[in-house]
């Protein structure tokens, strides 16, 4: 008899998008690196983004959180990934 190995369903939602100038490559790399880091650094900029991402990871695990996509000259979007409770 096979066991029931259910995996939680995941919900990804685009929680913000703008059509502004976007983020340059170096700044985007820094933001992504700091979002992926588990270290508690002294964050003085973008604190809401980091705190929200950290809380999602603490609540649901390392596979969840926020993702930033941006192309300089075209805009930026932020996506949040969390499990769906059924």
N, C-alpha and C. Protein backbone atom coordinates (compact mmCIF):
# COMPACT_ATOMS: atom_id res chain seq x y z
N UNK A 1 0.85 -1.18 0.00
CA UNK A 1 0.00 0.00 0.00
C UNK A 1 0.90 1.24 0.00
N UNK A 2 0.70 2.09 -0.94
CA UNK A 2 1.50 3.31 -1.03
C UNK A 2 1.02 4.33 -0.03
N UNK A 3 1.96 5.05 0.56
CA UNK A 3 1.61 6.10 1.52
C UNK A 3 1.12 7.34 0.82
N UNK A 4 0.41 8.15 1.54
CA UNK A 4 -0.09 9.40 1.00
C UNK A 4 0.98 10.47 1.20
N UNK A 5 1.65 10.81 0.14
CA UNK A 5 2.70 11.83 0.20
C UNK A 5 2.21 13.11 -0.44
N UNK A 6 1.28 13.75 0.21
CA UNK A 6 0.74 14.98 -0.36
C UNK A 6 1.70 16.14 -0.10
N UNK A 7 1.78 17.00 -1.06
CA UNK A 7 2.61 18.19 -0.95
C UNK A 7 1.68 19.39 -0.85
N UNK A 8 2.06 20.38 -0.04
CA UNK A 8 1.18 21.55 0.06
C UNK A 8 1.10 22.26 -1.28
N UNK A 9 -0.09 22.73 -1.58
CA UNK A 9 -0.25 23.53 -2.79
C UNK A 9 0.36 24.90 -2.52
N UNK A 10 0.86 25.50 -3.55
CA UNK A 10 1.54 26.78 -3.41
C UNK A 10 0.76 27.85 -4.15
N UNK A 11 0.74 29.00 -3.54
CA UNK A 11 0.09 30.15 -4.18
C UNK A 11 1.15 31.22 -4.39
N UNK A 12 1.29 31.66 -5.60
CA UNK A 12 2.16 32.78 -5.92
C UNK A 12 1.27 33.91 -6.40
N UNK A 13 1.48 35.05 -5.85
CA UNK A 13 0.67 36.21 -6.23
C UNK A 13 1.59 37.39 -6.54
N UNK A 14 1.32 38.06 -7.64
CA UNK A 14 2.04 39.27 -7.97
C UNK A 14 1.45 40.37 -7.10
N UNK A 15 2.20 40.81 -6.10
CA UNK A 15 1.64 41.75 -5.13
C UNK A 15 1.96 43.20 -5.44
N UNK A 16 2.79 43.42 -6.44
CA UNK A 16 3.09 44.79 -6.81
C UNK A 16 3.78 44.85 -8.14
N UNK A 17 3.42 45.81 -8.94
CA UNK A 17 4.06 45.99 -10.25
C UNK A 17 3.99 47.47 -10.60
N UNK A 18 5.09 47.95 -11.15
CA UNK A 18 5.05 49.32 -11.67
C UNK A 18 5.73 49.35 -13.02
N UNK A 19 5.45 50.40 -13.75
CA UNK A 19 6.06 50.55 -15.06
C UNK A 19 7.07 51.70 -15.06
N UNK A 20 7.70 51.88 -13.90
CA UNK A 20 8.70 52.94 -13.76
C UNK A 20 10.02 52.56 -14.39
N UNK A 21 11.09 53.13 -13.93
CA UNK A 21 12.41 52.92 -14.51
C UNK A 21 13.00 51.54 -14.19
N UNK A 22 12.45 50.84 -13.22
CA UNK A 22 13.03 49.55 -12.86
C UNK A 22 14.23 49.73 -11.95
N UNK A 23 14.91 48.63 -11.69
CA UNK A 23 16.05 48.62 -10.76
C UNK A 23 17.29 48.21 -11.55
N UNK A 24 18.39 48.93 -11.35
CA UNK A 24 19.61 48.58 -12.06
C UNK A 24 20.13 47.22 -11.58
N UNK A 25 20.95 46.57 -12.40
CA UNK A 25 21.41 45.20 -12.14
C UNK A 25 22.11 45.04 -10.80
N UNK A 26 22.98 45.98 -10.44
CA UNK A 26 23.72 45.86 -9.18
C UNK A 26 22.80 45.95 -7.96
N UNK A 27 21.87 46.89 -7.99
CA UNK A 27 20.92 47.03 -6.89
C UNK A 27 20.01 45.83 -6.80
N UNK A 28 19.54 45.33 -7.94
CA UNK A 28 18.68 44.15 -7.97
C UNK A 28 19.43 42.93 -7.41
N UNK A 29 20.67 42.75 -7.79
CA UNK A 29 21.48 41.65 -7.27
C UNK A 29 21.60 41.74 -5.75
N UNK A 30 21.85 42.96 -5.23
CA UNK A 30 21.97 43.17 -3.79
C UNK A 30 20.66 42.86 -3.08
N UNK A 31 19.54 43.31 -3.63
CA UNK A 31 18.24 43.04 -3.03
C UNK A 31 17.96 41.54 -2.99
N UNK A 32 18.19 40.86 -4.10
CA UNK A 32 17.95 39.42 -4.16
C UNK A 32 18.85 38.65 -3.20
N UNK A 33 20.10 39.05 -3.11
CA UNK A 33 21.05 38.40 -2.20
C UNK A 33 20.59 38.56 -0.76
N UNK A 34 20.18 39.76 -0.41
CA UNK A 34 19.75 40.00 0.98
C UNK A 34 18.43 39.31 1.28
N UNK A 35 17.54 39.18 0.31
CA UNK A 35 16.29 38.45 0.54
C UNK A 35 16.57 36.96 0.72
N UNK A 36 17.57 36.43 0.02
CA UNK A 36 17.91 35.01 0.13
C UNK A 36 18.71 34.69 1.38
N UNK A 37 19.34 35.69 1.96
CA UNK A 37 20.19 35.49 3.13
C UNK A 37 19.37 35.23 4.39
N UNK A 38 19.87 34.34 5.22
CA UNK A 38 19.21 34.08 6.49
C UNK A 38 19.86 34.87 7.62
N UNK A 39 20.92 35.59 7.29
CA UNK A 39 21.63 36.37 8.30
C UNK A 39 20.81 37.58 8.72
N UNK A 40 20.85 37.88 9.99
CA UNK A 40 20.19 39.09 10.48
C UNK A 40 21.17 40.24 10.35
N UNK A 41 21.02 40.95 9.27
CA UNK A 41 21.88 42.10 9.03
C UNK A 41 21.18 43.36 9.50
N UNK A 42 21.96 44.39 9.72
CA UNK A 42 21.37 45.68 10.05
C UNK A 42 20.81 46.28 8.76
N UNK A 43 19.53 46.10 8.57
CA UNK A 43 18.88 46.60 7.36
C UNK A 43 18.35 48.00 7.64
N UNK A 44 18.79 48.94 6.83
CA UNK A 44 18.32 50.31 7.00
C UNK A 44 17.50 50.79 5.81
N UNK A 45 17.58 50.07 4.70
CA UNK A 45 16.80 50.43 3.51
C UNK A 45 15.93 49.25 3.12
N UNK A 46 14.77 49.52 2.60
CA UNK A 46 13.84 48.47 2.15
C UNK A 46 13.44 47.55 3.30
N UNK A 47 13.34 48.09 4.49
CA UNK A 47 13.10 47.27 5.69
C UNK A 47 11.77 46.52 5.64
N UNK A 48 10.74 47.13 5.05
CA UNK A 48 9.45 46.46 4.94
C UNK A 48 9.53 45.22 4.08
N UNK A 49 10.26 45.30 2.99
CA UNK A 49 10.45 44.18 2.09
C UNK A 49 11.17 43.04 2.82
N UNK A 50 12.25 43.35 3.50
CA UNK A 50 13.03 42.33 4.21
C UNK A 50 12.24 41.72 5.37
N UNK A 51 11.56 42.55 6.14
CA UNK A 51 10.78 42.03 7.27
C UNK A 51 9.65 41.12 6.81
N UNK A 52 8.95 41.52 5.75
CA UNK A 52 7.86 40.69 5.23
C UNK A 52 8.40 39.36 4.73
N UNK A 53 9.49 39.38 3.98
CA UNK A 53 10.09 38.16 3.47
C UNK A 53 10.54 37.25 4.61
N UNK A 54 11.17 37.82 5.61
CA UNK A 54 11.65 37.04 6.76
C UNK A 54 10.48 36.38 7.50
N UNK A 55 9.41 37.11 7.70
CA UNK A 55 8.24 36.56 8.39
C UNK A 55 7.61 35.41 7.60
N UNK A 56 7.54 35.55 6.28
CA UNK A 56 7.00 34.47 5.45
C UNK A 56 7.87 33.22 5.60
N UNK A 57 9.18 33.38 5.53
CA UNK A 57 10.10 32.24 5.67
C UNK A 57 10.02 31.61 7.06
N UNK A 58 9.89 32.42 8.09
CA UNK A 58 9.77 31.89 9.45
C UNK A 58 8.46 31.11 9.62
N UNK A 59 7.40 31.60 9.02
CA UNK A 59 6.10 30.96 9.16
C UNK A 59 5.95 29.70 8.31
N UNK A 60 6.51 29.71 7.08
CA UNK A 60 6.23 28.62 6.14
C UNK A 60 7.46 27.82 5.71
N UNK A 61 8.65 28.34 5.94
CA UNK A 61 9.85 27.61 5.56
C UNK A 61 10.61 28.29 4.44
N UNK A 62 11.81 27.76 4.16
CA UNK A 62 12.70 28.42 3.20
C UNK A 62 12.23 28.38 1.74
N UNK A 63 11.29 27.53 1.41
CA UNK A 63 10.80 27.46 0.04
C UNK A 63 9.81 28.55 -0.32
N UNK A 64 9.50 29.40 0.62
CA UNK A 64 8.49 30.44 0.42
C UNK A 64 9.12 31.81 0.63
N UNK A 65 8.43 32.85 0.22
CA UNK A 65 8.94 34.20 0.41
C UNK A 65 8.61 35.11 -0.74
N UNK A 66 9.45 36.10 -0.91
CA UNK A 66 9.21 37.12 -1.92
C UNK A 66 10.29 37.08 -2.99
N UNK A 67 9.90 37.39 -4.21
CA UNK A 67 10.80 37.43 -5.35
C UNK A 67 10.65 38.77 -6.04
N UNK A 68 11.76 39.35 -6.43
CA UNK A 68 11.74 40.63 -7.14
C UNK A 68 12.20 40.40 -8.56
N UNK A 69 11.43 40.91 -9.50
CA UNK A 69 11.82 40.88 -10.92
C UNK A 69 11.83 42.32 -11.41
N UNK A 70 12.86 42.66 -12.13
CA UNK A 70 12.94 44.02 -12.63
C UNK A 70 13.82 44.07 -13.87
N UNK A 71 13.48 44.95 -14.76
CA UNK A 71 14.31 45.21 -15.93
C UNK A 71 14.45 46.72 -16.02
N UNK A 72 15.67 47.17 -15.93
CA UNK A 72 15.92 48.60 -15.94
C UNK A 72 15.33 49.21 -17.21
N UNK A 73 14.54 50.24 -17.02
CA UNK A 73 13.88 50.92 -18.12
C UNK A 73 12.47 50.41 -18.40
N UNK A 74 12.07 49.32 -17.73
CA UNK A 74 10.76 48.73 -18.01
C UNK A 74 9.87 48.54 -16.79
N UNK A 75 10.42 48.52 -15.58
CA UNK A 75 9.59 48.37 -14.40
C UNK A 75 10.01 47.23 -13.49
N UNK A 76 9.25 47.07 -12.42
CA UNK A 76 9.56 46.10 -11.37
C UNK A 76 8.29 45.42 -10.91
N UNK A 77 8.40 44.13 -10.54
CA UNK A 77 7.28 43.44 -9.92
C UNK A 77 7.80 42.65 -8.72
N UNK A 78 6.94 42.49 -7.74
CA UNK A 78 7.26 41.71 -6.54
C UNK A 78 6.22 40.61 -6.43
N UNK A 79 6.70 39.38 -6.24
CA UNK A 79 5.83 38.22 -6.15
C UNK A 79 6.01 37.58 -4.77
N UNK A 80 4.90 37.15 -4.18
CA UNK A 80 4.92 36.48 -2.88
C UNK A 80 4.44 35.04 -3.08
N UNK A 81 5.19 34.08 -2.51
CA UNK A 81 4.83 32.67 -2.61
C UNK A 81 4.59 32.12 -1.21
N UNK A 82 3.39 31.57 -1.01
CA UNK A 82 3.00 30.98 0.29
C UNK A 82 2.20 29.72 0.02
N UNK A 83 2.14 28.80 1.02
CA UNK A 83 1.33 27.59 0.83
C UNK A 83 -0.14 27.92 0.95
N UNK A 84 -0.97 27.11 0.29
CA UNK A 84 -2.42 27.25 0.39
C UNK A 84 -2.93 26.25 1.42
N UNK A 85 -3.66 26.71 2.39
CA UNK A 85 -4.28 25.81 3.36
C UNK A 85 -5.65 25.42 2.83
N UNK A 86 -5.87 24.13 2.77
CA UNK A 86 -7.18 23.67 2.28
C UNK A 86 -7.95 23.00 3.40
